[in-house]
Amino acid sequence: MCADYAKATNEYNKNHGKGKDNPQCKSFNAYMVKRDGVAQGTYCSLFSKSVDAETGKYQPGQIGEHFWGIESSCVTELGSDSSD
């Protein structure tokens, strides 16, 4: 899901951007967000540079009345070709 999103974003940027305004996704993080232990969905973060696994270790914790957590986080580097 996130790899397809990253590839589609790269293709869009390639076709619609110019110069420095043409960022390409180099890596992404796919992760499941939980609120009070209940899954809220899978989310994707796209990065224009390579990031390491530490990026996926963020834990938000207590926010207001709810405890938020990240589970099943996976940082992946996208291939240099958007068809990877």
N, C-alpha and C. Protein backbone atom coordinates (compact mmCIF):
# COMPACT_ATOMS: atom_id res chain seq x y z
N MET A 1 0.81 -1.18 0.00
CA MET A 1 0.00 0.00 0.00
C MET A 1 0.87 1.26 0.00
N CYS A 2 1.79 1.39 0.94
CA CYS A 2 2.63 2.59 1.00
C CYS A 2 3.62 2.65 -0.16
N ALA A 3 4.13 1.49 -0.59
CA ALA A 3 5.04 1.48 -1.75
C ALA A 3 4.31 1.98 -2.99
N ASP A 4 3.09 1.54 -3.19
CA ASP A 4 2.30 2.01 -4.34
C ASP A 4 2.03 3.51 -4.25
N TYR A 5 1.73 3.98 -3.04
CA TYR A 5 1.50 5.41 -2.82
C TYR A 5 2.76 6.21 -3.14
N ALA A 6 3.92 5.73 -2.68
CA ALA A 6 5.19 6.41 -2.93
C ALA A 6 5.50 6.44 -4.43
N LYS A 7 5.30 5.33 -5.10
CA LYS A 7 5.57 5.26 -6.54
C LYS A 7 4.64 6.17 -7.33
N ALA A 8 3.37 6.20 -6.94
CA ALA A 8 2.41 7.07 -7.63
C ALA A 8 2.75 8.54 -7.39
N THR A 9 3.19 8.87 -6.18
CA THR A 9 3.59 10.24 -5.87
C THR A 9 4.81 10.63 -6.69
N ASN A 10 5.79 9.72 -6.80
CA ASN A 10 6.97 9.99 -7.62
C ASN A 10 6.59 10.23 -9.08
N GLU A 11 5.70 9.41 -9.60
CA GLU A 11 5.27 9.54 -10.99
C GLU A 11 4.56 10.88 -11.20
N TYR A 12 3.69 11.23 -10.28
CA TYR A 12 2.98 12.51 -10.37
C TYR A 12 3.99 13.67 -10.34
N ASN A 13 4.91 13.64 -9.38
CA ASN A 13 5.89 14.72 -9.26
C ASN A 13 6.78 14.80 -10.50
N LYS A 14 7.12 13.66 -11.05
CA LYS A 14 7.95 13.62 -12.26
C LYS A 14 7.23 14.29 -13.43
N ASN A 15 5.93 14.07 -13.52
CA ASN A 15 5.15 14.61 -14.64
C ASN A 15 4.68 16.05 -14.43
N HIS A 16 4.67 16.51 -13.18
CA HIS A 16 4.10 17.84 -12.91
C HIS A 16 5.08 18.82 -12.26
N GLY A 17 6.22 18.37 -11.84
CA GLY A 17 7.16 19.24 -11.14
C GLY A 17 8.23 19.81 -12.04
N LYS A 18 8.97 20.76 -11.51
CA LYS A 18 10.08 21.36 -12.23
C LYS A 18 11.25 21.53 -11.27
N GLY A 19 12.42 21.12 -11.68
CA GLY A 19 13.64 21.35 -10.90
C GLY A 19 13.52 20.95 -9.46
N LYS A 20 13.82 21.90 -8.57
CA LYS A 20 13.81 21.61 -7.13
C LYS A 20 12.40 21.33 -6.62
N ASP A 21 11.38 21.71 -7.39
CA ASP A 21 9.99 21.46 -6.99
C ASP A 21 9.52 20.08 -7.43
N ASN A 22 10.46 19.22 -7.78
CA ASN A 22 10.14 17.88 -8.25
C ASN A 22 10.71 16.84 -7.28
N PRO A 23 10.25 16.86 -6.02
CA PRO A 23 10.81 15.91 -5.04
C PRO A 23 10.42 14.47 -5.36
N GLN A 24 11.34 13.57 -5.11
CA GLN A 24 11.09 12.15 -5.31
C GLN A 24 11.20 11.43 -3.97
N CYS A 25 10.30 10.51 -3.73
CA CYS A 25 10.33 9.71 -2.51
C CYS A 25 11.48 8.71 -2.60
N LYS A 26 12.33 8.72 -1.58
CA LYS A 26 13.46 7.78 -1.53
C LYS A 26 13.19 6.65 -0.53
N SER A 27 12.36 6.93 0.48
CA SER A 27 12.03 5.91 1.47
C SER A 27 10.68 6.24 2.08
N PHE A 28 10.11 5.25 2.75
CA PHE A 28 8.81 5.47 3.38
C PHE A 28 8.71 4.65 4.65
N ASN A 29 7.77 5.02 5.49
CA ASN A 29 7.49 4.29 6.72
C ASN A 29 6.02 3.93 6.71
N ALA A 30 5.72 2.65 6.82
CA ALA A 30 4.35 2.16 6.95
C ALA A 30 4.16 1.76 8.41
N TYR A 31 3.07 2.23 9.03
CA TYR A 31 2.89 1.94 10.45
C TYR A 31 1.42 1.94 10.83
N MET A 32 1.11 1.14 11.84
CA MET A 32 -0.26 1.07 12.36
C MET A 32 -0.35 1.96 13.60
N VAL A 33 -1.35 2.82 13.61
CA VAL A 33 -1.59 3.70 14.75
C VAL A 33 -2.66 3.06 15.64
N LYS A 34 -2.39 3.07 16.95
CA LYS A 34 -3.37 2.55 17.92
C LYS A 34 -3.73 3.64 18.91
N ARG A 35 -5.01 3.69 19.28
CA ARG A 35 -5.47 4.59 20.33
C ARG A 35 -6.06 3.72 21.42
N ASP A 36 -5.50 3.82 22.59
CA ASP A 36 -5.93 3.01 23.73
C ASP A 36 -5.92 1.53 23.39
N GLY A 37 -4.92 1.10 22.61
CA GLY A 37 -4.75 -0.30 22.27
C GLY A 37 -5.59 -0.79 21.10
N VAL A 38 -6.39 0.07 20.50
CA VAL A 38 -7.26 -0.31 19.38
C VAL A 38 -6.71 0.28 18.08
N ALA A 39 -6.53 -0.57 17.08
CA ALA A 39 -5.99 -0.12 15.79
C ALA A 39 -6.88 0.94 15.17
N GLN A 40 -6.25 2.01 14.68
CA GLN A 40 -6.97 3.12 14.03
C GLN A 40 -6.72 3.16 12.53
N GLY A 41 -5.78 2.36 12.06
CA GLY A 41 -5.50 2.31 10.63
C GLY A 41 -4.01 2.29 10.35
N THR A 42 -3.68 2.02 9.10
CA THR A 42 -2.30 2.03 8.64
C THR A 42 -2.03 3.35 7.95
N TYR A 43 -0.91 3.94 8.26
CA TYR A 43 -0.52 5.23 7.71
C TYR A 43 0.82 5.13 7.01
N CYS A 44 1.08 6.06 6.11
CA CYS A 44 2.32 6.10 5.36
C CYS A 44 2.97 7.47 5.52
N SER A 45 4.27 7.47 5.75
CA SER A 45 5.05 8.70 5.73
C SER A 45 6.06 8.56 4.61
N LEU A 46 6.15 9.56 3.74
CA LEU A 46 7.08 9.54 2.62
C LEU A 46 8.24 10.49 2.92
N PHE A 47 9.45 10.09 2.50
CA PHE A 47 10.64 10.89 2.75
C PHE A 47 11.41 11.09 1.46
N SER A 48 11.93 12.28 1.25
CA SER A 48 12.70 12.58 0.05
C SER A 48 14.18 12.22 0.22
N LYS A 49 14.50 11.56 1.31
CA LYS A 49 15.87 11.07 1.54
C LYS A 49 15.76 9.70 2.20
N SER A 50 16.85 9.00 2.24
CA SER A 50 16.88 7.71 2.92
C SER A 50 16.83 7.95 4.43
N VAL A 51 16.02 7.19 5.12
CA VAL A 51 15.95 7.28 6.58
C VAL A 51 16.19 5.89 7.15
N ASP A 52 16.64 5.84 8.38
CA ASP A 52 16.92 4.54 8.99
C ASP A 52 15.74 4.07 9.85
N ALA A 53 15.88 2.88 10.39
CA ALA A 53 14.81 2.26 11.17
C ALA A 53 14.43 3.06 12.41
N GLU A 54 15.34 3.88 12.92
CA GLU A 54 15.04 4.70 14.10
C GLU A 54 13.84 5.62 13.85
N THR A 55 13.66 6.02 12.60
CA THR A 55 12.54 6.89 12.24
C THR A 55 11.21 6.23 12.60
N GLY A 56 11.15 4.92 12.48
CA GLY A 56 9.92 4.19 12.75
C GLY A 56 9.67 3.85 14.20
N LYS A 57 10.53 4.31 15.09
CA LYS A 57 10.41 3.96 16.51
C LYS A 57 9.70 5.02 17.34
N TYR A 58 9.15 6.02 16.71
CA TYR A 58 8.44 7.09 17.42
C TYR A 58 7.23 6.53 18.16
N GLN A 59 7.06 6.91 19.42
CA GLN A 59 5.91 6.52 20.23
C GLN A 59 5.30 7.78 20.83
N PRO A 60 4.13 8.20 20.36
CA PRO A 60 3.54 9.45 20.84
C PRO A 60 3.16 9.44 22.31
N GLY A 61 2.64 8.32 22.85
CA GLY A 61 2.28 8.26 24.27
C GLY A 61 0.95 8.92 24.59
N GLN A 62 0.85 9.41 25.82
CA GLN A 62 -0.40 10.00 26.31
C GLN A 62 -0.64 11.38 25.69
N ILE A 63 -1.80 11.54 25.06
CA ILE A 63 -2.20 12.84 24.51
C ILE A 63 -3.65 13.04 24.94
N GLY A 64 -3.86 14.01 25.81
CA GLY A 64 -5.20 14.22 26.35
C GLY A 64 -5.64 13.01 27.15
N GLU A 65 -6.82 12.51 26.86
CA GLU A 65 -7.37 11.37 27.60
C GLU A 65 -7.00 10.02 26.98
N HIS A 66 -6.24 10.02 25.89
CA HIS A 66 -5.97 8.79 25.16
C HIS A 66 -4.48 8.47 25.11
N PHE A 67 -4.19 7.18 25.07
CA PHE A 67 -2.82 6.73 24.89
C PHE A 67 -2.67 6.30 23.43
N TRP A 68 -1.76 6.96 22.74
CA TRP A 68 -1.51 6.66 21.33
C TRP A 68 -0.22 5.87 21.21
N GLY A 69 -0.22 4.90 20.32
CA GLY A 69 0.96 4.09 20.09
C GLY A 69 1.13 3.75 18.62
N ILE A 70 2.32 3.32 18.28
CA ILE A 70 2.66 2.89 16.93
C ILE A 70 3.04 1.42 17.01
N GLU A 71 2.49 0.64 16.12
CA GLU A 71 2.80 -0.79 16.07
C GLU A 71 3.08 -1.18 14.63
N SER A 72 3.86 -2.20 14.45
CA SER A 72 4.15 -2.74 13.12
C SER A 72 4.73 -1.70 12.19
N SER A 73 5.65 -0.90 12.69
CA SER A 73 6.29 0.12 11.86
C SER A 73 7.38 -0.52 11.01
N CYS A 74 7.41 -0.14 9.74
CA CYS A 74 8.40 -0.70 8.83
C CYS A 74 8.93 0.40 7.91
N VAL A 75 10.21 0.74 8.07
CA VAL A 75 10.86 1.74 7.22
C VAL A 75 11.48 1.00 6.04
N THR A 76 11.19 1.46 4.83
CA THR A 76 11.64 0.79 3.62
C THR A 76 12.23 1.81 2.66
N GLU A 77 13.33 1.43 2.02
CA GLU A 77 13.92 2.30 1.00
C GLU A 77 13.31 1.91 -0.33
N LEU A 78 12.87 2.92 -1.07
CA LEU A 78 12.28 2.70 -2.38
C LEU A 78 13.41 2.57 -3.39
N GLY A 79 13.23 1.70 -4.38
CA GLY A 79 14.25 1.54 -5.41
C GLY A 79 14.46 2.84 -6.17
N SER A 80 15.58 2.94 -6.85
CA SER A 80 15.90 4.17 -7.59
C SER A 80 15.00 4.37 -8.80
N ASP A 81 14.33 3.32 -9.24
CA ASP A 81 13.42 3.40 -10.38
C ASP A 81 12.01 3.26 -9.84
N SER A 82 11.10 4.15 -10.22
CA SER A 82 9.74 4.11 -9.67
C SER A 82 8.98 2.87 -10.08
N SER A 83 9.54 2.04 -10.94
CA SER A 83 8.85 0.79 -11.31
C SER A 83 9.26 -0.36 -10.43
N ASP A 84 10.15 -0.13 -9.44
CA ASP A 84 10.58 -1.20 -8.51
C ASP A 84 9.41 -1.72 -7.70
